[in-house]
Protein backbone atom coordinates (compact mmCIF):
# COMPACT_ATOMS: atom_id res chain seq x y z
CA MET A 1 -0.11 -0.29 -0.04
CA LEU A 2 1.44 3.30 -1.05
CA HIS A 3 2.27 6.06 1.87
CA TRP A 4 1.08 9.54 1.19
CA SER A 5 4.75 10.50 0.52
CA ASN A 6 5.19 8.24 -1.95
CA MET A 7 2.60 10.00 -3.79
CA GLN A 8 4.01 13.67 -3.82
CA HIS A 9 5.22 13.64 -7.16
CA ILE A 10 1.10 13.07 -8.31
CA ILE A 11 0.04 15.38 -5.78
CA HIS A 12 2.57 18.19 -6.94
CA ILE A 13 1.46 17.33 -10.84
CA LYS A 14 -1.91 18.14 -10.05
CA ASN A 15 -1.85 20.64 -7.37
CA ASN A 16 -0.11 22.86 -10.54
CA LYS A 17 -1.94 21.24 -13.42
CA LYS A 18 -3.19 24.74 -14.59
CA HIS A 19 0.87 26.04 -14.40
CA LEU A 20 2.05 22.73 -15.99
CA ASP A 21 -0.73 22.85 -19.22
CA LEU A 22 0.56 26.59 -19.66
CA ARG A 23 4.06 26.06 -19.54
CA TRP A 24 3.25 23.62 -22.50
CA ARG A 25 1.48 26.07 -24.42
CA ILE A 26 4.28 28.35 -23.49
CA ILE A 27 7.23 25.45 -24.70
CA ARG A 28 4.87 25.41 -27.85
CA ALA A 29 4.96 28.97 -28.61
CA ILE A 30 8.71 29.14 -28.02
CA ARG A 31 9.35 26.60 -30.72
CA GLU A 32 6.71 28.56 -33.48
CA PHE A 33 8.44 31.83 -32.87
CA PHE A 34 12.13 29.84 -33.79
CA TRP A 35 9.86 28.13 -36.82
CA GLU A 36 8.20 31.02 -38.07
CA LYS A 37 11.99 32.85 -38.13
CA GLU A 38 13.44 29.66 -40.37
CA PHE A 39 15.35 28.59 -37.68
CA ILE A 40 16.86 25.34 -37.90
CA GLU A 41 16.24 23.60 -34.07
CA VAL A 42 19.18 21.18 -33.49
CA GLU A 43 19.73 18.24 -30.59
CA THR A 44 23.26 18.43 -28.76
CA PRO A 45 24.25 16.00 -26.58
CA HIS A 46 23.70 15.49 -22.73
CA ILE A 47 26.52 13.61 -22.01
CA LEU A 48 30.31 15.02 -22.93
CA VAL A 49 33.65 13.99 -21.90
CA LEU A 50 34.63 17.38 -21.61
CA PRO A 51 32.64 19.82 -19.76
CA GLY A 52 33.26 23.42 -20.04
CA GLN A 53 36.12 25.77 -17.79
CA GLU A 54 33.04 27.86 -16.79
CA PRO A 55 34.55 28.80 -12.90
CA TYR A 56 31.38 28.84 -10.62
CA LEU A 57 29.43 25.82 -12.52
CA SER A 58 29.59 22.57 -11.49
CA PRO A 59 28.87 19.72 -13.91
CA MET A 60 27.01 16.57 -12.99
CA ARG A 61 29.69 13.64 -13.06
CA VAL A 62 28.12 10.82 -15.29
CA PRO A 63 30.47 7.71 -15.36
CA VAL A 64 29.43 5.31 -18.82
CA SER A 65 30.43 1.75 -19.31
CA ASN A 66 30.92 0.01 -22.90
CA GLU A 67 30.01 -3.13 -23.30
CA ARG A 68 32.84 -4.24 -21.87
CA GLY A 69 32.45 -2.83 -18.86
CA GLU A 70 35.21 0.08 -19.58
CA VAL A 71 34.56 2.97 -17.89
CA THR A 72 34.52 6.41 -19.62
CA GLU A 73 34.19 9.91 -17.19
CA SER A 74 31.57 12.16 -18.74
CA TYR A 75 29.71 14.88 -17.30
CA LEU A 76 26.22 15.84 -18.34
CA HIS A 77 26.62 19.03 -19.92
CA THR A 78 25.23 22.75 -18.46
CA SER A 79 24.83 24.56 -21.59
CA PRO A 80 24.78 23.46 -25.09
CA GLU A 81 26.88 26.25 -25.87
CA TYR A 82 29.87 24.33 -27.18
CA THR A 83 28.50 21.93 -29.46
CA MET A 84 26.01 24.58 -30.76
CA LYS A 85 29.55 26.37 -31.70
CA LYS A 86 31.02 23.68 -33.39
CA MET A 87 27.76 23.06 -35.78
CA LEU A 88 28.51 26.89 -36.51
CA ALA A 89 31.73 26.48 -37.53
CA ALA A 90 30.48 23.34 -39.93
CA GLY A 91 28.58 25.50 -41.87
CA TYR A 92 25.08 26.18 -39.84
CA GLU A 93 23.77 29.09 -39.59
CA ASN A 94 20.13 30.53 -37.45
CA ILE A 95 19.65 27.66 -34.73
CA PHE A 96 18.57 26.80 -32.06
CA SER A 97 18.06 24.25 -28.91
CA LEU A 98 15.20 23.37 -26.29
CA SER A 99 16.58 21.06 -24.37
CA LYS A 100 17.48 20.23 -20.61
CA CYS A 101 20.58 21.25 -18.88
CA PHE A 102 22.17 19.97 -15.80
CA ARG A 103 24.29 22.14 -13.01
CA ASP A 104 25.42 20.31 -9.59
CA TYR A 105 25.36 22.52 -6.15
CA GLU A 106 22.65 24.63 -7.07
CA SER A 107 19.29 25.36 -4.91
CA PHE A 108 16.44 22.97 -4.79
CA GLY A 109 13.83 25.57 -5.18
CA GLY A 110 13.48 29.26 -5.96
CA ASN A 111 14.73 30.28 -8.75
CA HIS A 112 16.83 27.12 -9.23
CA ASN A 113 16.83 23.58 -10.18
CA PRO A 114 19.83 21.05 -10.78
CA GLU A 115 17.84 20.04 -13.74
CA PHE A 116 16.32 23.01 -15.89
CA THR A 117 15.23 23.88 -19.58
CA MET A 118 16.97 26.17 -21.72
CA VAL A 119 16.31 27.76 -24.90
CA GLU A 120 19.94 28.31 -26.91
CA TRP A 121 20.00 30.09 -30.02
CA TYR A 122 22.38 31.74 -32.60
CA ARG A 123 22.78 33.87 -35.34
CA THR A 124 25.73 34.15 -37.76
CA GLY A 125 26.34 37.62 -39.23
CA VAL A 126 25.03 39.98 -36.73
CA ASP A 127 25.66 41.23 -33.29
CA PHE A 128 24.32 41.50 -29.97
CA TYR A 129 21.81 43.74 -30.61
CA THR A 130 19.76 41.58 -32.65
CA ILE A 131 19.75 39.44 -29.92
CA MET A 132 18.39 41.93 -28.01
CA GLN A 133 15.57 42.80 -30.86
CA ASP A 134 14.93 38.61 -30.97
CA LEU A 135 14.21 38.68 -26.96
CA GLU A 136 11.93 41.51 -27.22
CA ASP A 137 10.17 39.87 -29.72
CA LEU A 138 10.27 36.40 -28.47
CA PHE A 139 8.58 37.69 -25.12
CA SER A 140 5.86 39.46 -27.10
CA TYR A 141 5.11 36.58 -29.56
CA VAL A 142 4.63 34.31 -26.29
CA THR A 143 2.39 37.02 -24.53
CA GLU A 144 0.27 36.95 -27.38
CA CYS A 145 -0.29 33.53 -27.82
CA LEU A 146 -0.99 33.40 -24.15
CA GLY A 147 -3.55 36.01 -24.36
CA GLU A 148 -5.49 36.42 -21.36
CA ASP A 149 -3.98 33.46 -19.34
CA ILE A 150 -1.00 35.37 -18.78
CA LEU A 151 -0.99 35.54 -14.58
CA SER A 152 2.06 38.13 -14.13
CA PRO A 153 2.28 41.47 -13.75
CA PHE A 154 4.82 41.32 -16.42
CA GLU A 155 2.53 40.46 -19.22
CA THR A 156 3.66 43.06 -21.37
CA PRO A 157 6.88 44.76 -20.07
CA SER A 158 8.37 47.43 -21.69
CA PHE A 159 12.38 46.63 -22.12
CA ILE A 160 14.73 49.33 -21.38
CA ARG A 161 18.53 48.98 -22.80
CA TYR A 162 20.98 50.13 -19.83
CA HIS A 163 24.52 50.31 -20.66
CA MET A 164 26.07 48.85 -17.56
CA ARG A 165 28.10 52.24 -17.05
CA ASP A 166 24.32 54.19 -16.42
CA LEU A 167 22.88 52.05 -14.70
CA TRP A 168 25.79 51.92 -12.02
CA LYS A 169 25.56 55.77 -12.25
CA GLU A 170 21.86 56.18 -11.67
CA THR A 171 21.22 53.53 -9.01
CA ILE A 172 24.43 54.06 -6.63
CA GLY A 173 26.11 57.47 -8.29
CA VAL A 174 29.13 55.58 -9.43
CA ASP A 175 30.93 55.99 -12.65
CA LEU A 176 32.08 53.22 -13.87
CA ASN A 177 34.85 54.62 -16.28
CA GLU A 178 36.61 54.90 -13.23
CA TYR A 179 36.44 51.47 -11.70
CA LEU A 180 37.46 49.08 -14.98
CA SER A 181 40.66 48.11 -12.87
CA THR A 182 41.25 45.41 -10.38
CA GLU A 183 43.06 48.27 -8.01
CA ARG A 184 40.41 50.52 -8.47
CA MET A 185 37.27 48.30 -7.76
CA TYR A 186 39.02 46.89 -5.25
CA THR A 187 39.23 50.78 -3.42
CA LEU A 188 35.92 51.22 -4.16
CA CYS A 189 34.73 47.94 -2.35
CA VAL A 190 36.46 49.20 0.98
CA GLU A 191 35.16 52.69 0.99
CA ARG A 192 31.61 50.95 0.72
CA GLY A 193 32.25 48.78 3.84
CA TYR A 194 32.86 45.43 2.21
CA SER A 195 36.26 43.53 3.29
CA PRO A 196 37.69 41.64 0.00
CA ALA A 197 40.34 39.94 0.05
CA GLU A 198 43.54 41.43 -1.48
CA ASN A 199 43.90 39.18 -4.13
CA GLU A 200 40.37 39.25 -5.36
CA ARG A 201 39.71 38.91 -9.06
CA TYR A 202 37.45 42.11 -10.59
CA GLU A 203 34.59 40.19 -11.48
CA ASP A 204 34.35 39.39 -7.65
CA LEU A 205 34.85 42.91 -6.41
CA PHE A 206 32.24 43.95 -8.88
CA TYR A 207 29.53 41.11 -7.99
CA ARG A 208 30.11 42.60 -4.24
CA ILE A 209 28.61 45.61 -5.17
CA PHE A 210 26.43 44.93 -8.07
CA LEU A 211 24.53 41.79 -6.41
CA ASN A 212 23.90 43.72 -2.94
CA GLU A 213 23.52 47.37 -4.14
CA ILE A 214 22.13 47.49 -7.89
CA GLU A 215 20.27 44.16 -8.67
CA PRO A 216 17.90 44.55 -5.81
CA LYS A 217 16.74 47.83 -7.37
CA LEU A 218 15.38 45.83 -10.56
CA GLU A 219 13.07 44.23 -8.88
CA GLN A 220 11.18 47.54 -9.32
CA MET A 221 12.26 48.39 -13.20
CA GLY A 222 10.28 45.56 -14.87
CA GLY A 223 11.88 44.22 -17.87
CA VAL A 224 15.82 45.26 -18.31
CA ILE A 225 18.56 44.66 -21.09
CA LEU A 226 21.76 45.00 -19.22
CA HIS A 227 24.73 45.37 -21.92
CA HIS A 228 28.51 45.62 -21.78
CA TYR A 229 29.90 44.62 -19.08
CA PRO A 230 33.77 45.12 -18.18
CA ALA A 231 36.27 44.25 -20.16
CA GLN A 232 37.15 41.15 -17.38
CA MET A 233 34.19 39.77 -17.47
CA ALA A 234 33.95 39.57 -21.35
CA ALA A 235 34.01 35.72 -20.76
CA LEU A 236 33.21 34.53 -24.54
CA SER A 237 32.28 37.60 -25.86
CA GLU A 238 34.10 39.87 -28.50
CA LEU A 239 34.55 43.25 -26.57
CA SER A 240 33.20 46.63 -27.68
CA LYS A 241 34.32 48.16 -31.22
CA GLU A 242 33.11 51.42 -29.68
CA ASP A 243 34.86 51.26 -26.30
CA PRO A 244 36.95 47.96 -25.83
CA ARG A 245 37.00 49.06 -21.92
CA TYR A 246 33.63 46.88 -22.35
CA ALA A 247 32.26 43.97 -23.69
CA GLU A 248 29.72 42.58 -26.42
CA ARG A 249 27.73 40.83 -23.48
CA PHE A 250 24.22 41.02 -21.71
CA GLU A 251 22.04 39.97 -19.15
CA VAL A 252 17.86 40.00 -19.17
CA TYR A 253 16.22 40.80 -15.99
CA ILE A 254 12.53 40.45 -15.61
CA GLY A 255 11.16 41.92 -12.14
CA GLY A 256 14.57 41.31 -10.46
CA ILE A 257 14.87 37.74 -11.89
CA GLU A 258 17.95 37.30 -14.08
CA LEU A 259 16.79 35.28 -17.11
CA ALA A 260 18.92 35.35 -19.82
CA ASN A 261 23.05 35.33 -20.97
CA ALA A 262 23.95 36.65 -24.30
CA PHE A 263 26.89 37.66 -26.73
CA SER A 264 28.55 38.61 -29.38
CA ASP A 265 30.76 35.89 -29.54
CA LEU A 266 34.21 35.51 -29.81
CA THR A 267 35.85 34.69 -32.72
CA ASP A 268 39.82 34.93 -31.67
CA VAL A 269 41.26 31.67 -30.94
CA ASP A 270 44.15 32.91 -29.23
CA GLU A 271 42.28 35.07 -26.77
CA GLN A 272 39.54 32.51 -26.16
CA ARG A 273 42.77 30.04 -25.13
CA LYS A 274 43.92 32.36 -22.57
CA ARG A 275 40.57 32.96 -21.04
CA LEU A 276 40.09 29.66 -20.70
CA GLU A 277 43.36 28.54 -19.63
CA GLU A 278 42.27 31.34 -16.71
CA GLU A 279 39.41 29.87 -15.86
CA ARG A 280 41.03 26.66 -15.70
CA ALA A 281 43.90 28.21 -13.09
CA LEU A 282 40.60 29.59 -11.13
CA ARG A 283 39.06 26.44 -10.75
CA LYS A 284 42.02 24.89 -9.39
CA LYS A 285 42.16 28.08 -6.98
CA LEU A 286 38.60 27.62 -5.54
CA GLY A 287 39.04 23.91 -5.29
CA LYS A 288 37.41 22.65 -7.87
CA ASP A 289 37.53 19.90 -10.52
CA VAL A 290 39.80 20.41 -13.52
CA TYR A 291 39.20 19.76 -17.00
CA ASP A 292 41.29 19.65 -20.06
CA ILE A 293 40.15 22.05 -22.52
CA ASP A 294 38.52 20.91 -25.33
CA GLU A 295 40.22 21.58 -28.42
CA GLU A 296 38.10 21.19 -30.80
CA PHE A 297 35.65 23.69 -29.43
CA LEU A 298 39.12 26.00 -29.82
CA TYR A 299 39.32 24.86 -33.45
CA ALA A 300 35.49 25.56 -33.77
CA VAL A 301 36.12 29.39 -32.55
CA LYS A 302 38.73 29.73 -34.95
CA HIS A 303 36.22 28.84 -37.99
CA LEU A 304 33.18 30.97 -36.53
CA PRO A 305 31.78 33.21 -38.57
CA THR A 306 30.50 36.59 -37.35
CA CYS A 307 27.42 35.45 -34.73
CA SER A 308 25.74 36.31 -31.75
CA GLY A 309 24.16 34.08 -29.04
CA ILE A 310 21.92 34.00 -26.30
CA ALA A 311 20.79 31.24 -23.74
CA LEU A 312 17.45 31.72 -21.72
CA GLY A 313 15.94 30.09 -18.34
CA VAL A 314 12.77 28.50 -20.07
CA ASP A 315 12.03 27.28 -16.28
CA ARG A 316 12.21 31.16 -15.18
CA PHE A 317 10.70 32.36 -18.05
CA VAL A 318 7.24 30.66 -17.76
CA GLN A 319 8.03 31.60 -13.49
CA ILE A 320 7.36 35.04 -14.63
CA LEU A 321 5.02 34.59 -17.00
CA LEU A 322 2.51 32.79 -14.80
CA GLY A 323 4.03 35.08 -11.55
CA CYS A 324 5.26 31.95 -9.41
CA ASP A 325 7.73 32.82 -6.65
CA ASN A 326 8.68 29.49 -6.84
CA ILE A 327 10.36 27.57 -10.05
CA ASP A 328 8.48 24.12 -8.52
CA ASP A 329 5.24 25.14 -9.36
CA VAL A 330 6.33 24.89 -13.01
CA LEU A 331 8.17 21.72 -12.85
CA PRO A 332 6.37 18.74 -12.69
CA LEU A 333 9.10 16.85 -10.94
CA PRO A 334 11.41 19.19 -9.32
CA MET A 335 14.56 18.38 -7.27
CA SER A 336 12.90 19.16 -4.27
CA LYS A 337 10.18 16.91 -4.61
CA MET A 338 12.38 14.03 -4.53
CA ILE A 339 14.34 13.95 -1.73
């Protein structure tokens, strides 16, 4: 006989059926949006031998055995980005992937789940401003498809595009142009009452201020596209042609929730190798697992056309559209219900 605790998944699904029914409609609308724009939907492997080097992400280990019992140490992907860029280098143009991604050491609930859905898309021959427009068009398309079934106060947000420099000036009165070196950002952190380590990285110093003083203010600003991060935070993006002190990278927030990360993608293979090696060194410093660099990915970067792409968290997108405070309410079987 089943105890009530053995039926919590069924109870969860039943209690959230209205949200889940709308989730399926949103996912269908996302696909239709890209199909109408003549994107090709691609599939990428979930299991990789070489995961990415992002210092603050933890891939999930998946040992895979062949028929002789020989084990290959593998990982579930944290993003389809590397594979999609290999496809671009092989001749694909405008592509999108709607798939599951996996990240270890994530919260169970709130705005996180270790298994989550991502829509990632790339365009060739464009910079990140075109991707910004895609994002706004996608939001309008999906909300129009849902119509009166949208349950969120952000059903028709007017996205505000902020240069990172302008946001810092407007929200906390700091001219970011004066704090683009590690030494200057360290001084600013000390002046504002933080206690950073003397060898702290620029990005960590930056986020001490951003996460504590600026990000909370985004909650009252509706839809925000925050672009041109400092060059030290370029990750996989090109530097700005207008001002190389900044990178052609943007993130999307709605109601203070981070929803997407996007770039004009880097095509300089030497610079890309340098950044990956720096990230690999940081992983070692942080005591995280260290992986070999994916040389095939670097080969792809060398042969990439001009392109831009974005990764958007679908679960959070659904959560925002349906006005849910907890991501669990838009997932059929969230991790928090499995323990």
